[in-house]
């Protein structure tokens, strides 16, 4: 547009200069011609008057020295015969009776005509006046002389035209810049157009752009808000999500997907799927999804992590426009499933053992194989012991199940030191039989929680400290307030201790370090598992410190806020 405006202005300037120059030259030529003719008229009138006053016109004209040598003077008698001519030989000149200016001068006193002279062969302007009654004085001037003067002026006019055109070119450049600059600035900054424009003609156009800018900005804000919302949702999803386009390039990937798939390239957006995962099963599933098929499966990532994936095509009409990959970490579900399976097997085994014992003794008594009263008492005692063990096992299983369901309220204030004292007093009789002393000390504090569950936790810890202690041993139960507003419950004993190899499994269900001793003490193998679940329900931590034959220390840290002293 800038070039078009510039050249248009230049052409317009050139055309205007040429037209104005041609018009001015034409006007100048006609003006000079009229001035020349008027001057010729005056000279002719004055010369005629002088010739008449002299009495001898021919002698007067012969003696006259003209001021303008370009003027031709001719004197004719009434018949048209040439009496005097300043430019030609009269002997060779014909009669001029038929000349228009001569005829007009005889009739009206003056006449004029412009034609090519038969004598000198040049275009000439003639003016004639009657000189007395019998003569006509005629003056002539060559038109070529007038044109010659015009040609002398013409180069200067052309030079002036050229100078003006050069000036016009610079002016056109300045005007073009002045016209285009506001438009260029507006085009460079369409997002922030001024409220008032430079040109009224463009104001409707600029008003529409401003309105569209406001609409676009509003839509962009909505798009950015939607994008930020979607990005926030995707980044905070526990599930990993990957979106691929029709060319199998990654359009979006959230943090969970990067965490699950562990790519070498931490910024795989815009790259093929192989930059995110080289798992052939997953790549094959994505290839099938690009063919329009939904695929799901389980990936074993590493030794323990299991990932469930869902790959679905995104259809754009009948064609596949992309693929969505959803990845979920199901390691805990698999682990829970494995634990449930192990728990079911362990429960079956643990229940089967006492039931088999009870069934065997009862069958022997029923068949009469046991006759003596003393044997009957022993068998009845064994049946009672196994039945009690069975009841304890069922009771522990039910308690563990209730804890896992997590339906208990955890908001009541619980005095931990008081619960520890109650649990210790319950074990005093059993501890005294073996000469074991139990000492409870610490800070009198309360925490929000479930008193029944916390009492169960403390009782199990104290029971284990007594059961697996040596005769004459000691048990210390300490409650302390830590500087970071946590509460520490520590149960320490001088018992047989736990080998280091069993530390990781000691909190598993039905796991026993010394199975023979556990059976002798009536242990079900669920006590520490119950403790661990109670601690986890209260968002706490449990730490074990023990060496075989060196006693055991179990510390429970409850991170709940202290409500205050009772």
Protein backbone atom coordinates (compact mmCIF):
# COMPACT_ATOMS: atom_id res chain seq x y z
CA UNK A 1 0.00 0.00 0.00
CA UNK A 2 2.85 2.37 0.84
CA UNK A 3 4.47 1.84 -2.58
CA UNK A 4 1.13 2.24 -4.33
CA UNK A 5 0.37 5.52 -2.54
CA UNK A 6 3.90 6.78 -3.23
CA UNK A 7 3.83 6.03 -6.95
CA UNK A 8 0.28 7.34 -7.26
CA UNK A 9 1.32 10.64 -5.73
CA UNK A 10 4.40 10.79 -7.98
CA UNK A 11 2.35 10.13 -11.11
CA UNK A 12 -0.27 12.62 -10.07
CA UNK A 13 2.44 15.21 -9.43
CA UNK A 14 4.06 14.50 -12.79
CA UNK A 15 0.75 14.70 -14.63
CA UNK A 16 -0.17 17.90 -12.83
CA UNK A 17 3.20 19.45 -13.63
CA UNK A 18 3.01 18.46 -17.30
CA UNK A 19 -0.54 19.68 -17.67
CA UNK A 20 0.16 22.92 -15.83
CA UNK A 21 3.35 23.49 -17.86
CA UNK A 22 1.57 22.81 -21.14
CA UNK A 23 -1.32 25.07 -20.12
CA UNK A 24 1.01 27.85 -18.98
CA UNK A 25 3.11 27.64 -22.15
CA UNK A 26 -0.01 27.70 -24.29
CA UNK A 27 -1.39 30.70 -22.43
CA UNK A 28 1.99 32.41 -22.57
CA UNK A 29 2.25 31.78 -26.29
CA UNK A 30 -1.21 33.23 -26.98
CA UNK A 31 -0.58 36.14 -24.66
CA UNK A 32 2.73 36.93 -26.35
CA UNK A 33 1.08 36.59 -29.73
CA UNK A 34 -1.67 39.03 -28.76
CA UNK A 35 0.87 41.41 -27.28
CA UNK A 36 2.95 41.19 -30.46
CA UNK A 37 -0.09 41.85 -32.62
CA UNK A 38 -1.21 44.78 -30.46
CA UNK A 39 2.30 46.21 -30.68
CA UNK A 40 2.20 45.75 -34.46
CA UNK A 41 -1.13 47.58 -34.56
CA UNK A 42 0.27 50.54 -32.67
CA UNK A 43 3.37 50.70 -34.85
CA UNK A 44 1.25 50.54 -37.98
CA UNK A 45 -1.07 53.32 -36.78
CA UNK A 46 1.86 55.53 -35.76
CA UNK A 47 3.77 54.93 -38.98
CA UNK A 48 0.66 55.64 -41.07
CA UNK A 49 0.12 58.89 -39.24
CA UNK A 50 3.78 59.85 -39.83
CA UNK A 51 3.60 58.98 -43.51
CA UNK A 52 0.45 61.05 -44.01
CA UNK A 53 1.95 64.01 -42.18
CA UNK A 54 5.13 63.95 -44.29
CA UNK A 55 3.24 64.39 -47.56
CA UNK A 56 5.49 61.87 -49.32
CA UNK A 57 4.82 58.48 -47.81
CA UNK A 58 7.36 56.60 -49.93
CA UNK A 59 10.19 58.98 -49.07
CA UNK A 60 9.16 58.91 -45.43
CA UNK A 61 9.25 55.12 -45.33
CA UNK A 62 12.56 54.95 -47.17
CA UNK A 63 14.06 57.32 -44.62
CA UNK A 64 12.43 55.56 -41.64
CA UNK A 65 14.67 53.44 -39.47
CA UNK A 66 12.47 50.84 -37.79
CA UNK A 67 13.01 50.08 -34.11
CA UNK A 68 12.04 46.44 -34.62
CA UNK A 69 13.93 45.01 -37.57
CA UNK A 70 11.69 41.95 -37.57
CA UNK A 71 8.74 44.08 -38.78
CA UNK A 72 8.15 44.10 -42.51
CA UNK A 73 6.75 47.39 -43.90
CA UNK A 74 4.80 47.45 -47.15
CA UNK A 75 3.06 50.44 -48.85
CA UNK A 76 0.35 49.71 -51.44
CA UNK A 77 -1.65 52.00 -53.70
CA UNK A 78 -5.38 51.64 -54.09
CA UNK A 79 -4.98 49.16 -56.94
CA UNK A 80 -2.81 46.83 -54.87
CA UNK A 81 0.47 47.76 -56.45
CA UNK A 82 3.46 47.67 -54.08
CA UNK A 83 4.94 51.15 -53.68
CA UNK A 84 7.42 50.24 -50.93
CA UNK A 85 8.55 47.04 -49.15
CA UNK A 86 11.28 46.78 -46.54
CA UNK A 87 11.90 43.05 -46.96
CA UNK A 88 11.64 42.30 -50.72
CA UNK A 89 12.36 43.75 -54.15
CA UNK A 90 9.26 45.50 -55.48
CA UNK A 91 10.09 44.51 -59.08
CA UNK A 92 9.54 40.88 -58.29
CA UNK A 93 6.43 41.36 -56.19
CA UNK A 94 3.04 40.85 -57.66
CA UNK A 95 -0.15 42.80 -57.13
CA UNK A 96 -1.56 42.59 -53.55
CA UNK A 97 -5.07 43.60 -54.36
CA UNK A 98 -6.46 40.21 -53.41
CA UNK A 99 -4.87 40.18 -49.94
CA UNK A 100 -7.55 39.93 -47.21
CA UNK A 101 -5.96 42.57 -44.98
CA UNK A 102 -5.77 44.95 -47.99
CA UNK A 103 -9.44 44.47 -48.83
CA UNK A 104 -10.43 44.97 -45.18
CA UNK A 105 -8.32 48.14 -44.91
CA UNK A 106 -9.98 49.66 -48.04
CA UNK A 107 -13.40 48.84 -46.74
CA UNK A 108 -13.13 49.55 -42.98
CA UNK A 109 -9.86 51.37 -42.55
CA UNK A 110 -7.92 48.44 -41.07
CA UNK A 111 -7.48 44.74 -41.64
CA UNK A 112 -5.45 41.75 -40.52
CA UNK A 113 -4.58 38.25 -41.65
CA UNK A 114 -2.11 35.48 -40.90
CA UNK A 115 -0.75 33.25 -43.69
CA UNK A 116 2.36 31.98 -45.37
CA UNK A 117 3.87 34.73 -47.39
CA UNK A 118 4.21 34.05 -51.14
CA UNK A 119 7.21 36.30 -51.23
CA UNK A 120 9.33 35.08 -48.33
CA UNK A 121 7.63 31.69 -47.74
CA UNK A 122 7.21 32.18 -43.98
CA UNK A 123 4.05 32.22 -41.86
CA UNK A 124 3.44 35.91 -41.25
CA UNK A 125 0.88 38.02 -39.42
CA UNK A 126 -0.23 41.12 -41.38
CA UNK A 127 -1.95 44.27 -40.19
CA UNK A 128 -2.98 46.98 -42.68
CA UNK A 129 -4.45 50.50 -42.30
CA UNK A 130 -5.58 53.01 -44.89
CA UNK A 131 -2.99 55.73 -45.31
CA UNK A 132 -4.86 58.68 -46.75
CA UNK A 133 -7.41 58.04 -49.49
CA UNK A 134 -5.24 56.28 -52.07
CA UNK A 135 -2.75 54.15 -50.11
CA UNK A 136 -2.70 51.27 -47.60
CA UNK A 137 0.15 50.79 -45.15
CA UNK A 138 0.74 47.17 -44.08
CA UNK A 139 3.06 45.83 -41.42
CA UNK A 140 3.94 42.15 -41.04
CA UNK A 141 5.73 40.11 -38.45
CA UNK A 142 6.83 36.49 -38.80
CA UNK A 143 5.03 34.02 -36.53
CA UNK A 144 8.28 32.06 -36.49
CA UNK A 145 9.86 34.83 -34.49
CA UNK A 146 7.08 34.61 -31.91
CA UNK A 147 7.53 30.83 -31.73
CA UNK A 148 11.30 31.35 -31.45
CA UNK A 149 10.78 33.46 -28.36
CA UNK A 150 8.51 30.72 -27.05
CA UNK A 151 11.22 28.10 -27.71
CA UNK A 152 13.70 30.16 -25.75
CA UNK A 153 11.40 30.07 -22.75
CA UNK A 154 10.46 26.40 -23.18
CA UNK A 155 13.74 24.85 -21.76
CA UNK A 156 13.45 26.97 -18.65
CA UNK A 157 9.91 25.80 -18.20
CA UNK A 158 10.97 22.19 -18.60
CA UNK A 159 13.79 22.68 -16.08
CA UNK A 160 11.37 24.26 -13.65
CA UNK A 161 9.02 21.34 -14.24
CA UNK A 162 11.82 18.84 -13.54
CA UNK A 163 12.85 20.66 -10.34
CA UNK A 164 9.26 20.77 -9.19
CA UNK A 165 8.88 17.06 -9.97
CA UNK A 166 11.94 16.20 -7.85
CA UNK A 167 10.51 18.30 -5.04
CA UNK A 168 7.17 16.56 -5.56
CA UNK A 169 8.87 13.17 -5.25
CA UNK A 170 10.26 14.12 -1.83
CA UNK A 171 6.95 15.66 -0.84
CA UNK A 172 5.15 12.49 -2.01
CA UNK A 173 7.54 10.42 0.10
CA UNK A 174 6.87 12.58 3.15
CA UNK A 175 3.12 12.58 2.56
CA UNK A 176 3.13 8.82 2.01
CA UNK A 177 5.04 8.31 5.22
CA UNK A 178 2.69 10.62 7.06
CA UNK A 179 -0.34 8.78 5.68
CA UNK A 180 0.99 5.29 6.21
CA UNK A 181 2.79 5.74 9.56
CA UNK A 182 -0.40 5.86 11.68
CA UNK A 183 -1.69 2.79 9.82
CA UNK A 184 1.64 1.00 10.30
CA UNK A 185 1.66 1.82 14.00
CA UNK A 186 -1.91 0.64 14.29
CA UNK A 187 -1.05 -2.57 12.40
CA UNK A 188 1.98 -3.16 14.64
CA UNK A 189 -0.13 -2.75 17.76
CA UNK A 190 -3.61 -3.91 16.89
CA UNK A 191 -4.09 -5.14 20.46
CA UNK A 192 -3.91 -1.59 21.88
CA UNK A 193 -5.42 0.79 19.35
CA UNK A 194 -5.98 4.37 20.61
CA UNK A 195 -9.56 5.37 21.25
CA UNK A 196 -9.29 8.20 18.66
CA UNK A 197 -7.80 7.56 15.23
CA UNK A 198 -5.84 9.84 12.88
CA UNK A 199 -8.36 9.54 10.04
CA UNK A 200 -12.09 9.94 10.32
CA UNK A 201 -12.56 7.72 7.26
CA UNK A 202 -10.85 4.82 9.06
CA UNK A 203 -12.71 5.30 12.33
CA UNK A 204 -15.48 2.72 11.57
CA UNK A 205 -12.80 0.22 10.62
CA UNK A 206 -10.73 0.96 13.76
CA UNK A 207 -13.85 0.84 15.92
CA UNK A 208 -14.64 -2.63 14.62
CA UNK A 209 -11.02 -3.72 15.26
CA UNK A 210 -11.20 -2.37 18.83
CA UNK A 211 -14.44 -4.26 19.37
CA UNK A 212 -12.92 -7.43 17.96
CA UNK A 213 -9.80 -6.88 20.11
CA UNK A 214 -11.96 -6.71 23.23
CA UNK A 215 -13.78 -9.85 22.17
CA UNK A 216 -10.50 -11.64 21.39
CA UNK A 217 -8.94 -10.56 24.71
CA UNK A 218 -12.02 -11.79 26.56
CA UNK A 219 -11.95 -15.08 24.71
CA UNK A 220 -8.19 -15.42 25.29
CA UNK A 221 -8.69 -14.85 29.01
CA UNK A 222 -11.36 -17.54 29.06
CA UNK A 223 -9.11 -19.88 27.06
CA UNK A 224 -6.17 -19.19 29.39
CA UNK A 225 -8.34 -19.75 32.44
CA UNK A 226 -9.66 -23.00 30.96
CA UNK A 227 -6.12 -24.02 30.02
CA UNK A 228 -4.80 -23.21 33.48
CA UNK A 229 -7.68 -25.09 35.07
CA UNK A 230 -7.10 -28.12 32.85
CA UNK A 231 -3.34 -27.94 33.44
CA UNK A 232 -3.86 -27.69 37.20
CA UNK A 233 -6.26 -30.63 37.14
CA UNK A 234 -3.93 -32.72 34.99
CA UNK A 235 -0.85 -31.85 37.04
CA UNK A 236 -2.61 -32.71 40.29
CA UNK A 237 -4.11 -35.96 39.03
CA UNK A 238 -2.77 -39.06 40.70
CA UNK A 239 -3.29 -40.80 37.39
CA UNK A 240 -0.85 -40.22 34.59
CA UNK A 241 -2.31 -38.80 31.37
CA UNK A 242 -0.71 -38.52 27.94
CA UNK A 243 -2.41 -37.00 24.88
CA UNK A 244 -1.07 -37.76 21.39
CA UNK A 245 -2.10 -36.26 18.06
CA UNK A 246 -2.82 -38.02 14.79
CA UNK A 247 0.91 -38.06 13.95
CA UNK A 248 1.62 -39.93 17.22
CA UNK A 249 3.37 -36.87 18.66
CA UNK A 250 2.89 -36.00 22.33
CA UNK A 251 0.62 -32.99 22.82
CA UNK A 252 0.43 -33.06 26.62
CA UNK A 253 1.81 -35.09 29.50
CA UNK A 254 1.24 -34.50 33.22
CA UNK A 255 3.60 -34.91 36.16
CA UNK A 256 2.15 -38.25 37.24
CA UNK A 257 2.82 -39.77 33.82
CA UNK A 258 6.43 -38.57 33.96
CA UNK A 259 6.76 -40.03 37.46
CA UNK A 260 5.31 -43.40 36.45
CA UNK A 261 7.12 -43.85 33.12
CA UNK A 262 10.50 -42.34 34.13
CA UNK A 263 11.44 -40.98 30.65
CA UNK A 264 15.01 -40.06 29.82
CA UNK A 265 13.71 -36.89 28.17
CA UNK A 266 11.97 -34.75 30.81
CA UNK A 267 10.30 -32.59 28.15
CA UNK A 268 8.80 -35.02 25.62
CA UNK A 269 6.06 -32.65 24.36
CA UNK A 270 6.08 -32.50 20.57
CA UNK A 271 8.14 -35.69 20.30
CA UNK A 272 7.21 -39.30 19.47
CA UNK A 273 5.89 -41.62 22.18
CA UNK A 274 9.17 -43.52 22.22
CA UNK A 275 10.78 -40.50 23.94
CA UNK A 276 8.38 -41.04 26.86
CA UNK A 277 8.43 -44.84 27.10
CA UNK A 278 10.22 -47.65 25.29
CA UNK A 279 7.95 -50.35 26.67
CA UNK A 280 6.93 -52.43 23.65
CA UNK A 281 3.62 -53.49 25.17
CA UNK A 282 2.62 -49.86 25.69
CA UNK A 283 3.84 -48.81 22.24
CA UNK A 284 1.87 -51.67 20.64
CA UNK A 285 -1.23 -50.62 22.57
CA UNK A 286 -0.87 -47.04 21.27
CA UNK A 287 -0.43 -48.34 17.73
CA UNK A 288 -3.67 -50.33 18.08
CA UNK A 289 -5.44 -47.26 19.46
CA UNK A 290 -4.33 -45.29 16.37
CA UNK A 291 -6.09 -47.98 14.38
CA UNK A 292 -9.30 -47.30 16.34
CA UNK A 293 -9.12 -49.97 19.07
CA UNK A 294 -9.31 -49.38 22.84
CA UNK A 295 -6.63 -51.30 24.76
CA UNK A 296 -5.92 -51.81 28.46
CA UNK A 297 -3.45 -53.86 30.46
CA UNK A 298 -0.93 -54.06 33.28
CA UNK A 299 2.69 -52.93 33.06
CA UNK A 300 5.32 -54.19 35.46
CA UNK A 301 7.59 -51.20 35.87
CA UNK A 302 10.63 -52.22 37.84
CA UNK A 303 10.56 -55.09 40.31
CA UNK A 304 7.64 -54.01 42.47
CA UNK A 305 5.68 -51.22 40.69
CA UNK A 306 2.62 -52.22 38.71
CA UNK A 307 0.85 -49.81 36.35
CA UNK A 308 -2.58 -50.24 34.83
CA UNK A 309 -2.98 -48.44 31.51
CA UNK A 310 -5.98 -47.55 29.33
CA UNK A 311 -5.41 -46.44 25.74
CA UNK A 312 -8.38 -45.02 23.84
CA UNK A 313 -8.61 -43.47 20.37
CA UNK A 314 -10.02 -39.97 19.92
CA UNK A 315 -12.33 -40.02 16.93
CA UNK A 316 -12.80 -37.00 14.66
CA UNK A 317 -15.74 -38.17 12.62
CA UNK A 318 -14.71 -41.51 11.17
CA UNK A 319 -10.96 -40.85 11.43
CA UNK A 320 -8.73 -41.19 14.47
CA UNK A 321 -7.61 -37.70 15.50
CA UNK A 322 -5.45 -38.71 18.43
CA UNK A 323 -4.96 -41.04 21.38
CA UNK A 324 -5.44 -40.63 25.14
CA UNK A 325 -3.29 -42.74 27.48
CA UNK A 326 -4.29 -43.06 31.14
CA UNK A 327 -1.81 -44.68 33.54
CA UNK A 328 -2.60 -45.58 37.18
CA UNK A 329 -0.28 -46.91 39.84
CA UNK A 330 -2.00 -50.05 41.16
CA UNK A 331 0.98 -51.27 43.17
CA UNK A 332 -0.82 -50.71 46.47
CA UNK A 333 -3.97 -52.40 45.20
CA UNK A 334 -1.94 -55.38 44.08
CA UNK A 335 -0.09 -55.37 47.36
CA UNK A 336 -3.39 -55.15 49.26
CA UNK A 337 -4.78 -57.95 47.14
CA UNK A 338 -1.69 -60.02 47.88
CA UNK A 339 -2.01 -59.22 51.55
CA UNK A 340 -5.67 -60.22 51.51
CA UNK A 341 -4.79 -63.47 49.80
CA UNK A 342 -1.98 -64.11 52.30
CA UNK A 343 -4.30 -63.11 55.14
CA UNK A 344 -6.99 -65.51 53.95
CA UNK A 345 -4.42 -68.30 53.68
CA UNK A 346 -2.94 -67.47 57.08
CA UNK A 347 -6.38 -67.23 58.69
CA UNK A 348 -7.33 -70.57 57.20
CA UNK A 349 -4.10 -72.08 58.48
CA UNK A 350 -4.33 -70.47 61.91
CA UNK A 351 -7.97 -71.50 62.32
CA UNK A 352 -7.37 -74.99 61.01
CA UNK A 353 -4.64 -75.80 63.58
CA UNK A 354 -6.70 -75.33 66.78
CA UNK A 355 -9.81 -76.73 65.14
CA UNK A 356 -7.88 -79.83 64.10
CA UNK A 357 -6.56 -80.20 67.63
CA UNK A 358 -10.02 -79.75 69.14
CA UNK A 359 -11.58 -82.11 66.62
CA UNK A 360 -8.92 -84.76 67.22
CA UNK A 361 -9.20 -84.72 71.00
CA UNK A 362 -13.01 -84.67 70.84
CA UNK A 363 -13.06 -87.62 68.42
CA UNK A 364 -10.75 -89.63 70.70
CA UNK A 365 -12.99 -88.91 73.68
CA UNK A 366 -16.09 -89.75 71.66
CA UNK A 367 -14.75 -93.11 70.46
CA UNK A 368 -13.86 -94.16 74.02
CA UNK A 369 -10.17 -94.26 73.42
CA UNK A 370 -9.70 -92.12 76.56
CA UNK A 371 -11.00 -94.03 79.60
CA UNK A 372 -9.08 -92.74 82.55
CA UNK A 373 -10.34 -89.67 84.34
CA UNK A 374 -6.89 -88.09 84.44
CA UNK A 375 -6.50 -88.37 80.65
CA UNK A 376 -9.98 -86.98 80.15
CA UNK A 377 -9.00 -83.92 82.21
CA UNK A 378 -5.81 -83.46 80.17
CA UNK A 379 -7.71 -83.77 76.89
CA UNK A 380 -10.42 -81.41 78.11
CA UNK A 381 -7.73 -78.93 79.16
CA UNK A 382 -6.12 -79.10 75.69
CA UNK A 383 -9.49 -78.57 74.05
CA UNK A 384 -10.13 -75.56 76.31
CA UNK A 385 -6.71 -74.06 75.58
CA UNK A 386 -7.15 -74.46 71.80
CA UNK A 387 -10.68 -73.09 72.00
CA UNK A 388 -9.42 -70.05 73.91
CA UNK A 389 -6.67 -69.61 71.39
CA UNK A 390 -9.26 -69.85 68.61
CA UNK A 391 -11.43 -67.21 70.31
CA UNK A 392 -8.42 -64.90 70.75
CA UNK A 393 -7.53 -65.34 67.11
CA UNK A 394 -11.07 -64.56 65.95
CA UNK A 395 -11.21 -61.58 68.28
CA UNK A 396 -7.90 -60.19 66.92
CA UNK A 397 -9.06 -60.71 63.34
CA UNK A 398 -12.30 -58.83 64.04
CA UNK A 399 -10.44 -55.98 65.75
CA UNK A 400 -8.00 -55.72 62.85
CA UNK A 401 -10.89 -55.71 60.39
CA UNK A 402 -12.65 -52.89 62.28
CA UNK A 403 -9.44 -50.84 62.35
CA UNK A 404 -8.91 -51.28 58.60
CA UNK A 405 -12.47 -50.19 57.88
CA UNK A 406 -11.63 -46.87 59.54
CA UNK A 407 -15.10 -46.08 60.82
CA UNK A 408 -14.03 -45.02 64.31
CA UNK A 409 -14.03 -41.34 65.26
CA UNK A 410 -10.62 -39.82 66.05
CA UNK A 411 -11.71 -36.54 67.61
CA UNK A 412 -12.08 -37.32 71.34
CA UNK A 413 -9.34 -36.14 73.74
CA UNK A 414 -7.35 -39.13 74.96
CA UNK A 415 -5.00 -39.09 77.97
CA UNK A 416 -2.11 -41.28 76.78
CA UNK A 417 -0.37 -41.57 80.17
CA UNK A 418 -3.60 -42.62 81.86
CA UNK A 419 -4.21 -45.33 79.24
CA UNK A 420 -0.65 -46.59 79.72
CA UNK A 421 -1.22 -46.90 83.47
CA UNK A 422 -4.50 -48.79 82.93
CA UNK A 423 -2.87 -51.22 80.50
CA UNK A 424 0.06 -51.79 82.87
CA UNK A 425 -2.24 -52.43 85.84
CA UNK A 426 -4.10 -55.05 83.80
CA UNK A 427 -0.82 -56.92 83.29
CA UNK A 428 0.41 -56.63 86.89
CA UNK A 429 -0.76 -60.10 87.92
CA UNK A 430 0.89 -61.87 84.98
CA UNK A 431 4.05 -59.78 85.38
CA UNK A 432 4.30 -60.57 89.09
CA UNK A 433 4.18 -64.30 88.38
CA UNK A 434 7.44 -63.95 86.42
CA UNK A 435 8.98 -61.22 88.57
CA UNK A 436 8.72 -58.59 85.82
CA UNK A 437 8.39 -54.96 86.88
CA UNK A 438 6.42 -52.44 84.80
CA UNK A 439 7.20 -48.72 85.20
CA UNK A 440 4.95 -46.05 83.65
CA UNK A 441 6.10 -42.42 83.63
CA UNK A 442 6.03 -39.25 81.54
CA UNK A 443 3.99 -36.14 80.72
CA UNK A 444 0.29 -35.88 81.48
CA UNK A 445 -1.00 -34.88 78.00
CA UNK A 446 -4.02 -35.53 75.82
CA UNK A 447 -4.32 -35.94 72.08
CA UNK A 448 -7.33 -36.15 69.76
CA UNK A 449 -7.99 -39.76 68.78
CA UNK A 450 -9.94 -42.90 69.57
CA UNK A 451 -9.43 -44.05 73.15
CA UNK A 452 -10.40 -47.68 72.47
CA UNK A 453 -7.96 -48.03 69.62
CA UNK A 454 -5.14 -46.24 71.48
CA UNK A 455 -5.73 -48.40 74.57
CA UNK A 456 -5.59 -51.50 72.33
CA UNK A 457 -2.29 -50.26 70.90
CA UNK A 458 -0.70 -49.66 74.33
CA UNK A 459 -2.03 -52.95 75.74
CA UNK A 460 -0.60 -54.97 72.82
CA UNK A 461 2.80 -53.30 73.20
CA UNK A 462 2.85 -53.93 76.94
CA UNK A 463 1.63 -57.53 76.52
CA UNK A 464 4.45 -58.26 74.07
CA UNK A 465 6.95 -56.62 76.41
CA UNK A 466 5.83 -58.97 79.20
CA UNK A 467 5.32 -62.11 77.09
CA UNK A 468 8.72 -61.97 75.39
CA UNK A 469 10.61 -60.78 78.46
CA UNK A 470 12.88 -62.85 80.65
CA UNK A 471 11.93 -63.82 84.18
CA UNK A 472 12.78 -60.98 86.53
CA UNK A 473 12.97 -58.55 83.62
CA UNK A 474 11.79 -54.97 83.38
CA UNK A 475 9.38 -52.96 81.25
CA UNK A 476 9.45 -49.16 80.93
CA UNK A 477 6.53 -47.20 79.45
CA UNK A 478 7.34 -43.52 78.86
CA UNK A 479 5.13 -40.70 77.50
CA UNK A 480 6.95 -37.52 76.46
CA UNK A 481 6.08 -34.27 74.72
CA UNK A 482 8.48 -33.47 71.90
CA UNK A 483 9.47 -29.87 70.95
CA UNK A 484 7.65 -30.09 67.60
CA UNK A 485 4.26 -30.63 69.30
CA UNK A 486 4.37 -34.41 68.82
CA UNK A 487 3.85 -37.03 71.50
CA UNK A 488 6.21 -39.96 71.94
CA UNK A 489 5.06 -43.23 73.56
CA UNK A 490 8.01 -45.55 74.20
CA UNK A 491 7.74 -49.17 75.43
CA UNK A 492 11.10 -50.68 76.34
CA UNK A 493 11.83 -54.15 77.75
CA UNK A 494 14.75 -56.39 78.69
CA UNK A 495 13.37 -59.40 76.83
CA UNK A 496 14.68 -61.80 74.22
CA UNK A 497 14.81 -59.14 71.54
CA UNK A 498 14.16 -59.43 67.82
CA UNK A 499 16.84 -60.43 65.28
CA UNK A 500 17.70 -57.70 62.79
CA UNK A 501 16.59 -59.85 59.84
CA UNK A 502 13.02 -59.90 61.20
CA UNK A 503 12.65 -56.13 61.73
CA UNK A 504 11.01 -55.48 58.36
CA UNK A 505 8.45 -58.26 58.75
CA UNK A 506 7.64 -58.01 62.44
CA UNK A 507 4.52 -55.90 61.75
CA UNK A 508 3.10 -58.33 59.16
CA UNK A 509 0.00 -60.33 59.99
CA UNK A 510 0.61 -63.73 61.58
CA UNK A 511 4.36 -63.23 61.47
CA UNK A 512 6.13 -64.72 64.49
CA UNK A 513 9.83 -64.49 65.27
CA UNK A 514 9.74 -67.58 67.53
CA UNK A 515 6.69 -69.63 66.60
CA UNK A 516 7.13 -72.18 69.38
CA UNK A 517 7.31 -69.47 72.05
CA UNK A 518 4.33 -67.65 70.52
CA UNK A 519 2.22 -70.75 70.78
CA UNK A 520 3.31 -71.28 74.36
CA UNK A 521 2.37 -67.70 75.26
CA UNK A 522 -0.88 -67.83 73.30
CA UNK A 523 0.22 -65.30 70.69
CA UNK A 524 -1.83 -65.03 67.47
CA UNK A 525 0.77 -63.11 65.40
CA UNK A 526 -1.63 -60.18 64.92
CA UNK A 527 -0.69 -57.97 67.88
CA UNK A 528 1.97 -55.82 66.23
CA UNK A 529 -0.03 -55.71 62.99
CA UNK A 530 -2.93 -54.27 64.99
CA UNK A 531 -0.55 -51.74 66.59
CA UNK A 532 0.76 -50.65 63.19
CA UNK A 533 -2.75 -50.15 61.79
CA UNK A 534 -3.82 -48.11 64.82
CA UNK A 535 -0.75 -45.87 64.49
CA UNK A 536 -1.41 -45.36 60.78
CA UNK A 537 -5.07 -44.51 61.49
CA UNK A 538 -3.82 -41.77 63.84
CA UNK A 539 -1.33 -40.53 61.18
CA UNK A 540 1.58 -41.49 63.39
CA UNK A 541 4.88 -43.31 63.01
CA UNK A 542 6.28 -46.41 64.69
CA UNK A 543 9.98 -47.17 65.15
CA UNK A 544 11.60 -50.43 66.29
CA UNK A 545 15.02 -50.75 67.95
CA UNK A 546 16.07 -54.25 68.98
CA UNK A 547 18.86 -56.80 68.95
CA UNK A 548 18.53 -60.49 69.64
CA UNK A 549 18.96 -61.12 73.39
CA UNK A 550 19.27 -57.36 74.09
CA UNK A 551 15.64 -56.43 74.65
CA UNK A 552 13.34 -54.39 72.45
CA UNK A 553 12.28 -50.72 72.22
CA UNK A 554 9.20 -49.67 70.27
CA UNK A 555 8.48 -45.93 69.95
CA UNK A 556 5.17 -44.55 68.68
CA UNK A 557 5.09 -40.89 67.58
CA UNK A 558 1.69 -39.27 67.27
CA UNK A 559 1.80 -36.11 65.12
CA UNK A 560 -1.58 -34.86 66.26
CA UNK A 561 -1.77 -31.46 67.90
CA UNK A 562 -1.77 -31.47 71.70
CA UNK A 563 -5.09 -30.24 73.03
CA UNK A 564 -3.75 -29.34 76.48
CA UNK A 565 -3.23 -30.76 79.92
CA UNK A 566 -6.14 -32.67 81.50
